[in-house]
Amino acid sequence: MARAPFLAAHNCDPMLGQNKKEPGKELRAQSLLEAAPDSMVVVDELGKIVLVNNQTQRLFGYRRDELVGCDVEELLPERFRNRHQSHRAKYFNEPRVRPMAPSSNYSACEKMAQSSRLKSV
């Protein structure tokens, strides 16, 4: 059973240096993600994936360039996608630290369209 990815939602512009004043910010953010032992996915307010680490690539079987720009819900089984969109929208309206429920069973879609069970971390 794979470990559940930590899905971080954030106003990504300052972190990634989108204002072009600090072009090294994206590299620093990517380096931080790579240091994490678990899968890390960073999404923007629209649910688009903006950063992933190598653990995410291994877990899901996608290359980084296949994930960046995609909707994060594409990594979820179909039955969870609409509900996740509403959870994400609520988070952006009222951001706060919120752990995933430890007793929940999580699923995700790997590249080969297989659904895998994930363990909460």
PDB file of N, CA and C in Angstrom:
ATOM      1  N   MET A   1       0.843  -1.170   0.000  1.00  0.00           N
ATOM      2  CA  MET A   1       0.000   0.000   0.000  1.00  0.00           C
ATOM      3  C   MET A   1       0.894   1.241   0.000  1.00  0.00           C
ATOM      4  N   ALA A   2       0.694   2.120  -0.937  1.00  0.00           N
ATOM      5  CA  ALA A   2       1.504   3.332  -1.056  1.00  0.00           C
ATOM      6  C   ALA A   2       1.095   4.350  -0.006  1.00  0.00           C
ATOM      7  N   ARG A   3       1.979   5.266   0.300  1.00  0.00           N
ATOM      8  CA  ARG A   3       1.659   6.347   1.236  1.00  0.00           C
ATOM      9  C   ARG A   3       0.931   7.445   0.491  1.00  0.00           C
ATOM     10  N   ALA A   4      -0.096   7.990   1.128  1.00  0.00           N
ATOM     11  CA  ALA A   4      -0.922   9.028   0.508  1.00  0.00           C
ATOM     12  C   ALA A   4      -0.105  10.270   0.232  1.00  0.00           C
ATOM     13  N   PRO A   5      -0.298  10.873  -0.919  1.00  0.00           N
ATOM     14  CA  PRO A   5       0.425  12.115  -1.201  1.00  0.00           C
ATOM     15  C   PRO A   5      -0.106  13.250  -0.351  1.00  0.00           C
ATOM     16  N   PHE A   6       0.761  14.144  -0.002  1.00  0.00           N
ATOM     17  CA  PHE A   6       0.370  15.360   0.690  1.00  0.00           C
ATOM     18  C   PHE A   6      -0.007  16.359  -0.390  1.00  0.00           C
ATOM     19  N   LEU A   7      -1.249  16.728  -0.437  1.00  0.00           N
ATOM     20  CA  LEU A   7      -1.699  17.675  -1.459  1.00  0.00           C
ATOM     21  C   LEU A   7      -1.737  19.065  -0.846  1.00  0.00           C
ATOM     22  N   ALA A   8      -0.866  19.925  -1.307  1.00  0.00           N
ATOM     23  CA  ALA A   8      -0.780  21.276  -0.770  1.00  0.00           C
ATOM     24  C   ALA A   8      -1.427  22.247  -1.728  1.00  0.00           C
ATOM     25  N   ALA A   9      -2.285  23.067  -1.202  1.00  0.00           N
ATOM     26  CA  ALA A   9      -2.896  24.120  -2.001  1.00  0.00           C
ATOM     27  C   ALA A   9      -2.338  25.444  -1.504  1.00  0.00           C
ATOM     28  N   HIS A  10      -1.976  26.302  -2.420  1.00  0.00           N
ATOM     29  CA  HIS A  10      -1.266  27.523  -2.029  1.00  0.00           C
ATOM     30  C   HIS A  10      -1.394  28.561  -3.124  1.00  0.00           C
ATOM     31  N   ASN A  11      -1.322  29.820  -2.752  1.00  0.00           N
ATOM     32  CA  ASN A  11      -1.184  30.867  -3.759  1.00  0.00           C
ATOM     33  C   ASN A  11       0.233  30.725  -4.298  1.00  0.00           C
ATOM     34  N   CYS A  12       0.353  30.127  -5.439  1.00  0.00           N
ATOM     35  CA  CYS A  12       1.657  29.693  -5.943  1.00  0.00           C
ATOM     36  C   CYS A  12       2.491  30.800  -6.561  1.00  0.00           C
ATOM     37  N   ASP A  13       1.907  31.922  -6.934  1.00  0.00           N
ATOM     38  CA  ASP A  13       2.674  32.964  -7.615  1.00  0.00           C
ATOM     39  C   ASP A  13       3.898  33.421  -6.818  1.00  0.00           C
ATOM     40  N   PRO A  14       3.757  33.792  -5.538  1.00  0.00           N
ATOM     41  CA  PRO A  14       4.952  34.222  -4.811  1.00  0.00           C
ATOM     42  C   PRO A  14       5.969  33.103  -4.634  1.00  0.00           C
ATOM     43  N   MET A  15       5.492  31.891  -4.415  1.00  0.00           N
ATOM     44  CA  MET A  15       6.393  30.774  -4.183  1.00  0.00           C
ATOM     45  C   MET A  15       7.200  30.444  -5.431  1.00  0.00           C
ATOM     46  N   LEU A  16       6.571  30.579  -6.587  1.00  0.00           N
ATOM     47  CA  LEU A  16       7.234  30.198  -7.827  1.00  0.00           C
ATOM     48  C   LEU A  16       7.910  31.357  -8.528  1.00  0.00           C
ATOM     49  N   GLY A  17       7.826  32.550  -7.957  1.00  0.00           N
ATOM     50  CA  GLY A  17       8.469  33.690  -8.585  1.00  0.00           C
ATOM     51  C   GLY A  17       7.782  34.104  -9.875  1.00  0.00           C
ATOM     52  N   GLN A  18       6.466  33.985  -9.921  1.00  0.00           N
ATOM     53  CA  GLN A  18       5.722  34.302 -11.139  1.00  0.00           C
ATOM     54  C   GLN A  18       5.843  35.772 -11.532  1.00  0.00           C
ATOM     55  N   ASN A  19       6.256  36.608 -10.602  1.00  0.00           N
ATOM     56  CA  ASN A  19       6.397  38.020 -10.938  1.00  0.00           C
ATOM     57  C   ASN A  19       7.691  38.289 -11.703  1.00  0.00           C
ATOM     58  N   LYS A  20       8.461  37.243 -11.996  1.00  0.00           N
ATOM     59  CA  LYS A  20       9.692  37.297 -12.800  1.00  0.00           C
ATOM     60  C   LYS A  20      10.819  38.068 -12.122  1.00  0.00           C
ATOM     61  N   LYS A  21      10.586  38.588 -10.905  1.00  0.00           N
ATOM     62  CA  LYS A  21      11.655  39.292 -10.205  1.00  0.00           C
ATOM     63  C   LYS A  21      12.628  38.318  -9.550  1.00  0.00           C
ATOM     64  N   GLU A  22      12.147  37.109  -9.251  1.00  0.00           N
ATOM     65  CA  GLU A  22      12.984  36.118  -8.579  1.00  0.00           C
ATOM     66  C   GLU A  22      12.900  34.786  -9.313  1.00  0.00           C
ATOM     67  N   PRO A  23      13.605  34.637 -10.425  1.00  0.00           N
ATOM     68  CA  PRO A  23      13.493  33.418 -11.224  1.00  0.00           C
ATOM     69  C   PRO A  23      13.969  32.165 -10.504  1.00  0.00           C
ATOM     70  N   GLY A  24      14.769  32.277  -9.457  1.00  0.00           N
ATOM     71  CA  GLY A  24      15.257  31.100  -8.738  1.00  0.00           C
ATOM     72  C   GLY A  24      14.267  30.511  -7.755  1.00  0.00           C
ATOM     73  N   LYS A  25      13.135  31.176  -7.535  1.00  0.00           N
ATOM     74  CA  LYS A  25      12.168  30.697  -6.553  1.00  0.00           C
ATOM     75  C   LYS A  25      11.593  29.338  -6.916  1.00  0.00           C
ATOM     76  N   GLU A  26      11.294  29.105  -8.178  1.00  0.00           N
ATOM     77  CA  GLU A  26      10.726  27.811  -8.562  1.00  0.00           C
ATOM     78  C   GLU A  26      11.725  26.698  -8.284  1.00  0.00           C
ATOM     79  N   LEU A  27      12.989  26.933  -8.571  1.00  0.00           N
ATOM     80  CA  LEU A  27      14.014  25.934  -8.307  1.00  0.00           C
ATOM     81  C   LEU A  27      14.125  25.656  -6.808  1.00  0.00           C
ATOM     82  N   ARG A  28      14.060  26.700  -5.985  1.00  0.00           N
ATOM     83  CA  ARG A  28      14.123  26.501  -4.532  1.00  0.00           C
ATOM     84  C   ARG A  28      12.904  25.728  -4.039  1.00  0.00           C
ATOM     85  N   ALA A  29      11.720  26.058  -4.555  1.00  0.00           N
ATOM     86  CA  ALA A  29      10.507  25.339  -4.166  1.00  0.00           C
ATOM     87  C   ALA A  29      10.609  23.874  -4.577  1.00  0.00           C
ATOM     88  N   GLN A  30      11.098  23.613  -5.776  1.00  0.00           N
ATOM     89  CA  GLN A  30      11.251  22.240  -6.251  1.00  0.00           C
ATOM     90  C   GLN A  30      12.252  21.484  -5.379  1.00  0.00           C
ATOM     91  N   SER A  31      13.340  22.134  -4.990  1.00  0.00           N
ATOM     92  CA  SER A  31      14.343  21.493  -4.139  1.00  0.00           C
ATOM     93  C   SER A  31      13.757  21.114  -2.786  1.00  0.00           C
ATOM     94  N   LEU A  32      12.919  21.978  -2.230  1.00  0.00           N
ATOM     95  CA  LEU A  32      12.253  21.657  -0.964  1.00  0.00           C
ATOM     96  C   LEU A  32      11.351  20.437  -1.114  1.00  0.00           C
ATOM     97  N   LEU A  33      10.595  20.391  -2.194  1.00  0.00           N
ATOM     98  CA  LEU A  33       9.714  19.247  -2.418  1.00  0.00           C
ATOM     99  C   LEU A  33      10.503  17.959  -2.558  1.00  0.00           C
ATOM    100  N   GLU A  34      11.627  18.013  -3.243  1.00  0.00           N
ATOM    101  CA  GLU A  34      12.430  16.813  -3.466  1.00  0.00           C
ATOM    102  C   GLU A  34      13.011  16.273  -2.173  1.00  0.00           C
ATOM    103  N   ALA A  35      13.182  17.125  -1.175  1.00  0.00           N
ATOM    104  CA  ALA A  35      13.720  16.684   0.107  1.00  0.00           C
ATOM    105  C   ALA A  35      12.695  15.893   0.917  1.00  0.00           C
ATOM    106  N   ALA A  36      11.431  15.986   0.558  1.00  0.00           N
ATOM    107  CA  ALA A  36      10.376  15.281   1.291  1.00  0.00           C
ATOM    108  C   ALA A  36      10.419  13.786   0.982  1.00  0.00           C
ATOM    109  N   PRO A  37      10.242  12.949   2.008  1.00  0.00           N
ATOM    110  CA  PRO A  37      10.264  11.498   1.773  1.00  0.00           C
ATOM    111  C   PRO A  37       8.964  10.976   1.157  1.00  0.00           C
ATOM    112  N   ASP A  38       7.917  11.796   1.153  1.00  0.00           N
ATOM    113  CA  ASP A  38       6.609  11.381   0.642  1.00  0.00           C
ATOM    114  C   ASP A  38       6.263  12.145  -0.626  1.00  0.00           C
ATOM    115  N   SER A  39       5.253  11.663  -1.281  1.00  0.00           N
ATOM    116  CA  SER A  39       4.740  12.321  -2.478  1.00  0.00           C
ATOM    117  C   SER A  39       4.203  13.706  -2.116  1.00  0.00           C
ATOM    118  N   MET A  40       4.563  14.706  -2.918  1.00  0.00           N
ATOM    119  CA  MET A  40       4.103  16.077  -2.697  1.00  0.00           C
ATOM    120  C   MET A  40       3.546  16.619  -4.007  1.00  0.00           C
ATOM    121  N   VAL A  41       2.352  17.189  -3.927  1.00  0.00           N
ATOM    122  CA  VAL A  41       1.700  17.792  -5.087  1.00  0.00           C
ATOM    123  C   VAL A  41       1.249  19.185  -4.667  1.00  0.00           C
ATOM    124  N   VAL A  42       1.632  20.204  -5.416  1.00  0.00           N
ATOM    125  CA  VAL A  42       1.211  21.576  -5.136  1.00  0.00           C
ATOM    126  C   VAL A  42       0.267  21.994  -6.249  1.00  0.00           C
ATOM    127  N   VAL A  43      -0.905  22.507  -5.848  1.00  0.00           N
ATOM    128  CA  VAL A  43      -1.902  22.939  -6.822  1.00  0.00           C
ATOM    129  C   VAL A  43      -2.218  24.411  -6.626  1.00  0.00           C
ATOM    130  N   ASP A  44      -2.734  25.032  -7.679  1.00  0.00           N
ATOM    131  CA  ASP A  44      -3.166  26.423  -7.571  1.00  0.00           C
ATOM    132  C   ASP A  44      -4.656  26.471  -7.249  1.00  0.00           C
ATOM    133  N   GLU A  45      -5.212  27.684  -7.207  1.00  0.00           N
ATOM    134  CA  GLU A  45      -6.613  27.871  -6.836  1.00  0.00           C
ATOM    135  C   GLU A  45      -7.584  27.191  -7.797  1.00  0.00           C
ATOM    136  N   LEU A  46      -7.160  26.958  -9.024  1.00  0.00           N
ATOM    137  CA  LEU A  46      -8.019  26.300 -10.011  1.00  0.00           C
ATOM    138  C   LEU A  46      -7.885  24.778  -9.974  1.00  0.00           C
ATOM    139  N   GLY A  47      -7.018  24.275  -9.099  1.00  0.00           N
ATOM    140  CA  GLY A  47      -6.815  22.842  -9.002  1.00  0.00           C
ATOM    141  C   GLY A  47      -5.804  22.306  -9.995  1.00  0.00           C
ATOM    142  N   LYS A  48      -5.083  23.204 -10.657  1.00  0.00           N
ATOM    143  CA  LYS A  48      -4.045  22.783 -11.611  1.00  0.00           C
ATOM    144  C   LYS A  48      -2.768  22.443 -10.846  1.00  0.00           C
ATOM    145  N   ILE A  49      -2.157  21.351 -11.203  1.00  0.00           N
ATOM    146  CA  ILE A  49      -0.903  20.946 -10.573  1.00  0.00           C
ATOM    147  C   ILE A  49       0.205  21.861 -11.068  1.00  0.00           C
ATOM    148  N   VAL A  50       0.950  22.460 -10.125  1.00  0.00           N
ATOM    149  CA  VAL A  50       2.045  23.357 -10.503  1.00  0.00           C
ATOM    150  C   VAL A  50       3.411  22.783 -10.152  1.00  0.00           C
ATOM    151  N   LEU A  51       3.485  21.915  -9.151  1.00  0.00           N
ATOM    152  CA  LEU A  51       4.746  21.287  -8.774  1.00  0.00           C
ATOM    153  C   LEU A  51       4.469  19.879  -8.253  1.00  0.00           C
ATOM    154  N   VAL A  52       5.361  18.958  -8.560  1.00  0.00           N
ATOM    155  CA  VAL A  52       5.346  17.616  -7.977  1.00  0.00           C
ATOM    156  C   VAL A  52       6.789  17.215  -7.698  1.00  0.00           C
ATOM    157  N   ASN A  53       6.968  16.249  -6.798  1.00  0.00           N
ATOM    158  CA  ASN A  53       8.317  15.755  -6.558  1.00  0.00           C
ATOM    159  C   ASN A  53       8.488  14.375  -7.184  1.00  0.00           C
ATOM    160  N   ASN A  54       9.709  13.848  -7.079  1.00  0.00           N
ATOM    161  CA  ASN A  54      10.005  12.543  -7.677  1.00  0.00           C
ATOM    162  C   ASN A  54       9.167  11.426  -7.070  1.00  0.00           C
ATOM    163  N   GLN A  55       8.869  11.528  -5.769  1.00  0.00           N
ATOM    164  CA  GLN A  55       8.053  10.499  -5.130  1.00  0.00           C
ATOM    165  C   GLN A  55       6.668  10.427  -5.779  1.00  0.00           C
ATOM    166  N   THR A  56       6.137  11.562  -6.187  1.00  0.00           N
ATOM    167  CA  THR A  56       4.833  11.587  -6.859  1.00  0.00           C
ATOM    168  C   THR A  56       4.926  10.871  -8.194  1.00  0.00           C
ATOM    169  N   GLN A  57       6.004  11.111  -8.911  1.00  0.00           N
ATOM    170  CA  GLN A  57       6.195  10.439 -10.196  1.00  0.00           C
ATOM    171  C   GLN A  57       6.264   8.928 -10.015  1.00  0.00           C
ATOM    172  N   ARG A  58       6.965   8.474  -8.988  1.00  0.00           N
ATOM    173  CA  ARG A  58       7.065   7.033  -8.715  1.00  0.00           C
ATOM    174  C   ARG A  58       5.714   6.459  -8.288  1.00  0.00           C
ATOM    175  N   LEU A  59       5.006   7.172  -7.433  1.00  0.00           N
ATOM    176  CA  LEU A  59       3.737   6.682  -6.905  1.00  0.00           C
ATOM    177  C   LEU A  59       2.689   6.516  -7.998  1.00  0.00           C
ATOM    178  N   PHE A  60       2.574   7.519  -8.879  1.00  0.00           N
ATOM    179  CA  PHE A  60       1.518   7.504  -9.884  1.00  0.00           C
ATOM    180  C   PHE A  60       1.953   6.977 -11.244  1.00  0.00           C
ATOM    181  N   GLY A  61       3.259   6.926 -11.499  1.00  0.00           N
ATOM    182  CA  GLY A  61       3.731   6.421 -12.778  1.00  0.00           C
ATOM    183  C   GLY A  61       3.715   7.448 -13.898  1.00  0.00           C
ATOM    184  N   TYR A  62       3.509   8.715 -13.586  1.00  0.00           N
ATOM    185  CA  TYR A  62       3.535   9.790 -14.577  1.00  0.00           C
ATOM    186  C   TYR A  62       4.852  10.542 -14.485  1.00  0.00           C
ATOM    187  N   ARG A  63       5.309  11.064 -15.595  1.00  0.00           N
ATOM    188  CA  ARG A  63       6.449  11.981 -15.592  1.00  0.00           C
ATOM    189  C   ARG A  63       5.951  13.352 -15.117  1.00  0.00           C
ATOM    190  N   ARG A  64       6.869  14.154 -14.615  1.00  0.00           N
ATOM    191  CA  ARG A  64       6.537  15.493 -14.130  1.00  0.00           C
ATOM    192  C   ARG A  64       5.807  16.308 -15.204  1.00  0.00           C
ATOM    193  N   ASP A  65       6.294  16.258 -16.454  1.00  0.00           N
ATOM    194  CA  ASP A  65       5.675  17.063 -17.513  1.00  0.00           C
ATOM    195  C   ASP A  65       4.264  16.573 -17.863  1.00  0.00           C
ATOM    196  N   GLU A  66       3.928  15.340 -17.509  1.00  0.00           N
ATOM    197  CA  GLU A  66       2.568  14.841 -17.730  1.00  0.00           C
ATOM    198  C   GLU A  66       1.619  15.316 -16.636  1.00  0.00           C
ATOM    199  N   LEU A  67       2.152  15.633 -15.457  1.00  0.00           N
ATOM    200  CA  LEU A  67       1.312  16.037 -14.327  1.00  0.00           C
ATOM    201  C   LEU A  67       1.114  17.547 -14.243  1.00  0.00           C
ATOM    202  N   VAL A  68       2.197  18.304 -14.431  1.00  0.00           N
ATOM    203  CA  VAL A  68       2.112  19.767 -14.285  1.00  0.00           C
ATOM    204  C   VAL A  68       1.145  20.325 -15.324  1.00  0.00           C
ATOM    205  N   GLY A  69       0.182  21.098 -14.831  1.00  0.00           N
ATOM    206  CA  GLY A  69      -0.834  21.693 -15.691  1.00  0.00           C
ATOM    207  C   GLY A  69      -2.136  20.912 -15.719  1.00  0.00           C
ATOM    208  N   CYS A  70      -2.117  19.687 -15.208  1.00  0.00           N
ATOM    209  CA  CYS A  70      -3.337  18.873 -15.171  1.00  0.00           C
ATOM    210  C   CYS A  70      -4.155  19.199 -13.924  1.00  0.00           C
ATOM    211  N   ASP A  71      -5.429  18.869 -13.963  1.00  0.00           N
ATOM    212  CA  ASP A  71      -6.278  19.004 -12.783  1.00  0.00           C
ATOM    213  C   ASP A  71      -5.872  17.955 -11.766  1.00  0.00           C
ATOM    214  N   VAL A  72      -5.732  18.346 -10.513  1.00  0.00           N
ATOM    215  CA  VAL A  72      -5.354  17.401  -9.468  1.00  0.00           C
ATOM    216  C   VAL A  72      -6.388  16.286  -9.345  1.00  0.00           C
ATOM    217  N   GLU A  73      -7.642  16.567  -9.668  1.00  0.00           N
ATOM    218  CA  GLU A  73      -8.686  15.552  -9.567  1.00  0.00           C
ATOM    219  C   GLU A  73      -8.478  14.390 -10.536  1.00  0.00           C
ATOM    220  N   GLU A  74      -7.643  14.585 -11.566  1.00  0.00           N
ATOM    221  CA  GLU A  74      -7.349  13.483 -12.475  1.00  0.00           C
ATOM    222  C   GLU A  74      -6.609  12.355 -11.768  1.00  0.00           C
ATOM    223  N   LEU A  75      -6.001  12.652 -10.623  1.00  0.00           N
ATOM    224  CA  LEU A  75      -5.304  11.627  -9.858  1.00  0.00           C
ATOM    225  C   LEU A  75      -6.252  10.860  -8.935  1.00  0.00           C
ATOM    226  N   LEU A  76      -7.500  11.272  -8.886  1.00  0.00           N
ATOM    227  CA  LEU A  76      -8.483  10.622  -8.020  1.00  0.00           C
ATOM    228  C   LEU A  76      -9.425   9.746  -8.837  1.00  0.00           C
ATOM    229  N   PRO A  77      -9.922   8.668  -8.236  1.00  0.00           N
ATOM    230  CA  PRO A  77     -10.955   7.892  -8.928  1.00  0.00           C
ATOM    231  C   PRO A  77     -12.169   8.775  -9.233  1.00  0.00           C
ATOM    232  N   GLU A  78     -12.838   8.486 -10.306  1.00  0.00           N
ATOM    233  CA  GLU A  78     -13.981   9.287 -10.788  1.00  0.00           C
ATOM    234  C   GLU A  78     -14.986   9.585  -9.676  1.00  0.00           C
ATOM    235  N   ARG A  79     -15.270   8.610  -8.837  1.00  0.00           N
ATOM    236  CA  ARG A  79     -16.321   8.773  -7.820  1.00  0.00           C
ATOM    237  C   ARG A  79     -15.994   9.837  -6.777  1.00  0.00           C
ATOM    238  N   PHE A  80     -14.716  10.255  -6.667  1.00  0.00           N
ATOM    239  CA  PHE A  80     -14.314  11.251  -5.672  1.00  0.00           C
ATOM    240  C   PHE A  80     -14.075  12.638  -6.257  1.00  0.00           C
ATOM    241  N   ARG A  81     -14.071  12.765  -7.565  1.00  0.00           N
ATOM    242  CA  ARG A  81     -13.625  14.013  -8.197  1.00  0.00           C
ATOM    243  C   ARG A  81     -14.509  15.219  -7.871  1.00  0.00           C
ATOM    244  N   ASN A  82     -15.815  15.103  -8.020  1.00  0.00           N
ATOM    245  CA  ASN A  82     -16.688  16.248  -7.746  1.00  0.00           C
ATOM    246  C   ASN A  82     -16.610  16.686  -6.293  1.00  0.00           C
ATOM    247  N   ARG A  83     -16.614  15.714  -5.399  1.00  0.00           N
ATOM    248  CA  ARG A  83     -16.541  16.044  -3.970  1.00  0.00           C
ATOM    249  C   ARG A  83     -15.213  16.743  -3.651  1.00  0.00           C
ATOM    250  N   HIS A  84     -14.131  16.265  -4.261  1.00  0.00           N
ATOM    251  CA  HIS A  84     -12.832  16.885  -4.002  1.00  0.00           C
ATOM    252  C   HIS A  84     -12.802  18.324  -4.511  1.00  0.00           C
ATOM    253  N   GLN A  85     -13.430  18.584  -5.644  1.00  0.00           N
ATOM    254  CA  GLN A  85     -13.481  19.953  -6.166  1.00  0.00           C
ATOM    255  C   GLN A  85     -14.142  20.884  -5.160  1.00  0.00           C
ATOM    256  N   SER A  86     -15.215  20.437  -4.534  1.00  0.00           N
ATOM    257  CA  SER A  86     -15.886  21.299  -3.546  1.00  0.00           C
ATOM    258  C   SER A  86     -15.021  21.451  -2.295  1.00  0.00           C
ATOM    259  N   HIS A  87     -14.334  20.394  -1.865  1.00  0.00           N
ATOM    260  CA  HIS A  87     -13.428  20.510  -0.711  1.00  0.00           C
ATOM    261  C   HIS A  87     -12.311  21.512  -1.014  1.00  0.00           C
ATOM    262  N   ARG A  88     -11.765  21.423  -2.218  1.00  0.00           N
ATOM    263  CA  ARG A  88     -10.685  22.335  -2.606  1.00  0.00           C
ATOM    264  C   ARG A  88     -11.179  23.775  -2.630  1.00  0.00           C
ATOM    265  N   ALA A  89     -12.364  24.000  -3.186  1.00  0.00           N
ATOM    266  CA  ALA A  89     -12.927  25.354  -3.238  1.00  0.00           C
ATOM    267  C   ALA A  89     -13.133  25.910  -1.824  1.00  0.00           C
ATOM    268  N   LYS A  90     -13.626  25.078  -0.922  1.00  0.00           N
ATOM    269  CA  LYS A  90     -13.815  25.513   0.471  1.00  0.00           C
ATOM    270  C   LYS A  90     -12.481  25.866   1.109  1.00  0.00           C
ATOM    271  N   TYR A  91     -11.462  25.071   0.823  1.00  0.00           N
ATOM    272  CA  TYR A  91     -10.142  25.344   1.387  1.00  0.00           C
ATOM    273  C   TYR A  91      -9.633  26.718   0.933  1.00  0.00           C
ATOM    274  N   PHE A  92      -9.762  27.019  -0.347  1.00  0.00           N
ATOM    275  CA  PHE A  92      -9.257  28.302  -0.840  1.00  0.00           C
ATOM    276  C   PHE A  92     -10.064  29.479  -0.318  1.00  0.00           C
ATOM    277  N   ASN A  93     -11.326  29.250  -0.007  1.00  0.00           N
ATOM    278  CA  ASN A  93     -12.136  30.316   0.593  1.00  0.00           C
ATOM    279  C   ASN A  93     -11.770  30.549   2.046  1.00  0.00           C
ATOM    280  N   GLU A  94     -11.312  29.505   2.714  1.00  0.00           N
ATOM    281  CA  GLU A  94     -10.948  29.596   4.129  1.00  0.00           C
ATOM    282  C   GLU A  94      -9.754  28.686   4.410  1.00  0.00           C
ATOM    283  N   PRO A  95      -8.551  29.085   3.957  1.00  0.00           N
ATOM    284  CA  PRO A  95      -7.378  28.220   4.126  1.00  0.00           C
ATOM    285  C   PRO A  95      -6.993  28.054   5.591  1.00  0.00           C
ATOM    286  N   ARG A  96      -6.669  26.832   5.952  1.00  0.00           N
ATOM    287  CA  ARG A  96      -6.201  26.520   7.299  1.00  0.00           C
ATOM    288  C   ARG A  96      -5.511  25.165   7.243  1.00  0.00           C
ATOM    289  N   VAL A  97      -4.709  24.879   8.257  1.00  0.00           N
ATOM    290  CA  VAL A  97      -4.083  23.568   8.352  1.00  0.00           C
ATOM    291  C   VAL A  97      -5.184  22.573   8.673  1.00  0.00           C
ATOM    292  N   ARG A  98      -5.232  21.515   7.909  1.00  0.00           N
ATOM    293  CA  ARG A  98      -6.305  20.536   8.092  1.00  0.00           C
ATOM    294  C   ARG A  98      -5.750  19.152   7.760  1.00  0.00           C
ATOM    295  N   PRO A  99      -5.665  18.289   8.780  1.00  0.00           N
ATOM    296  CA  PRO A  99      -5.153  16.938   8.512  1.00  0.00           C
ATOM    297  C   PRO A  99      -6.190  16.090   7.791  1.00  0.00           C
ATOM    298  N   MET A 100      -5.711  15.116   7.054  1.00  0.00           N
ATOM    299  CA  MET A 100      -6.607  14.147   6.447  1.00  0.00           C
ATOM    300  C   MET A 100      -7.073  13.209   7.560  1.00  0.00           C
ATOM    301  N   ALA A 101      -8.292  12.747   7.480  1.00  0.00           N
ATOM    302  CA  ALA A 101      -8.823  11.845   8.503  1.00  0.00           C
ATOM    303  C   ALA A 101      -8.006  10.563   8.535  1.00  0.00           C
ATOM    304  N   PRO A 102      -7.433  10.203   9.690  1.00  0.00           N
ATOM    305  CA  PRO A 102      -6.548   9.036   9.745  1.00  0.00           C
ATOM    306  C   PRO A 102      -7.255   7.707   9.512  1.00  0.00           C
ATOM    307  N   SER A 103      -8.545   7.639   9.768  1.00  0.00           N
ATOM    308  CA  SER A 103      -9.242   6.355   9.615  1.00  0.00           C
ATOM    309  C   SER A 103      -9.803   6.156   8.211  1.00  0.00           C
ATOM    310  N   SER A 104      -9.664   7.147   7.367  1.00  0.00           N
ATOM    311  CA  SER A 104     -10.220   7.049   6.020  1.00  0.00           C
ATOM    312  C   SER A 104      -9.353   6.170   5.129  1.00  0.00           C
ATOM    313  N   ASN A 105      -9.998   5.548   4.159  1.00  0.00           N
ATOM    314  CA  ASN A 105      -9.284   4.820   3.126  1.00  0.00           C
ATOM    315  C   ASN A 105      -9.191   5.733   1.925  1.00  0.00           C
ATOM    316  N   TYR A 106      -8.016   5.857   1.352  1.00  0.00           N
ATOM    317  CA  TYR A 106      -7.803   6.743   0.222  1.00  0.00           C
ATOM    318  C   TYR A 106      -7.499   5.935  -1.019  1.00  0.00           C
ATOM    319  N   SER A 107      -7.899   6.461  -2.147  1.00  0.00           N
ATOM    320  CA  SER A 107      -7.604   5.834  -3.427  1.00  0.00           C
ATOM    321  C   SER A 107      -7.070   6.888  -4.368  1.00  0.00           C
ATOM    322  N   ALA A 108      -6.279   6.441  -5.323  1.00  0.00           N
ATOM    323  CA  ALA A 108      -5.747   7.341  -6.345  1.00  0.00           C
ATOM    324  C   ALA A 108      -5.620   6.562  -7.640  1.00  0.00           C
ATOM    325  N   CYS A 109      -5.529   7.287  -8.744  1.00  0.00           N
ATOM    326  CA  CYS A 109      -5.406   6.650 -10.052  1.00  0.00           C
ATOM    327  C   CYS A 109      -3.971   6.726 -10.532  1.00  0.00           C
ATOM    328  N   GLU A 110      -3.415   5.571 -10.837  1.00  0.00           N
ATOM    329  CA  GLU A 110      -2.085   5.526 -11.414  1.00  0.00           C
ATOM    330  C   GLU A 110      -2.192   5.707 -12.918  1.00  0.00           C
ATOM    331  N   LYS A 111      -1.070   5.860 -13.574  1.00  0.00           N
ATOM    332  CA  LYS A 111      -1.034   6.113 -15.007  1.00  0.00           C
ATOM    333  C   LYS A 111      -1.750   5.027 -15.808  1.00  0.00           C
ATOM    334  N   MET A 112      -1.625   3.807 -15.401  1.00  0.00           N
ATOM    335  CA  MET A 112      -2.228   2.719 -16.152  1.00  0.00           C
ATOM    336  C   MET A 112      -3.722   2.580 -15.834  1.00  0.00           C
ATOM    337  N   ALA A 113      -4.331   3.645 -15.305  1.00  0.00           N
ATOM    338  CA  ALA A 113      -5.763   3.711 -15.010  1.00  0.00           C
ATOM    339  C   ALA A 113      -6.173   2.717 -13.937  1.00  0.00           C
ATOM    340  N   GLN A 114      -5.234   2.276 -13.135  1.00  0.00           N
ATOM    341  CA  GLN A 114      -5.560   1.403 -12.021  1.00  0.00           C
ATOM    342  C   GLN A 114      -5.775   2.261 -10.794  1.00  0.00           C
ATOM    343  N   SER A 115      -6.734   1.872  -9.997  1.00  0.00           N
ATOM    344  CA  SER A 115      -6.981   2.550  -8.742  1.00  0.00           C
ATOM    345  C   SER A 115      -6.159   1.857  -7.664  1.00  0.00           C
ATOM    346  N   SER A 116      -5.409   2.607  -6.891  1.00  0.00           N
ATOM    347  CA  SER A 116      -4.575   2.051  -5.831  1.00  0.00           C
ATOM    348  C   SER A 116      -5.046   2.557  -4.487  1.00  0.00           C
ATOM    349  N   ARG A 117      -4.923   1.710  -3.485  1.00  0.00           N
ATOM    350  CA  ARG A 117      -5.247   2.133  -2.132  1.00  0.00           C
ATOM    351  C   ARG A 117      -4.023   2.855  -1.570  1.00  0.00           C
ATOM    352  N   LEU A 118      -4.271   3.943  -0.869  1.00  0.00           N
ATOM    353  CA  LEU A 118      -3.189   4.721  -0.270  1.00  0.00           C
ATOM    354  C   LEU A 118      -3.350   4.731   1.235  1.00  0.00           C
ATOM    355  N   LYS A 119      -2.244   4.796   1.936  1.00  0.00           N
ATOM    356  CA  LYS A 119      -2.229   4.844   3.388  1.00  0.00           C
ATOM    357  C   LYS A 119      -2.056   6.291   3.808  1.00  0.00           C
ATOM    358  N   SER A 120      -2.865   6.757   4.754  1.00  0.00           N
ATOM    359  CA  SER A 120      -2.738   8.108   5.268  1.00  0.00           C
ATOM    360  C   SER A 120      -1.451   8.233   6.071  1.00  0.00           C
ATOM    361  N   VAL A 121      -0.780   9.384   5.924  1.00  0.00           N
ATOM    362  CA  VAL A 121       0.451   9.621   6.682  1.00  0.00           C
ATOM    363  C   VAL A 121       0.220  10.695   7.704  1.00  0.00           C
TER     364      VAL A 121
END
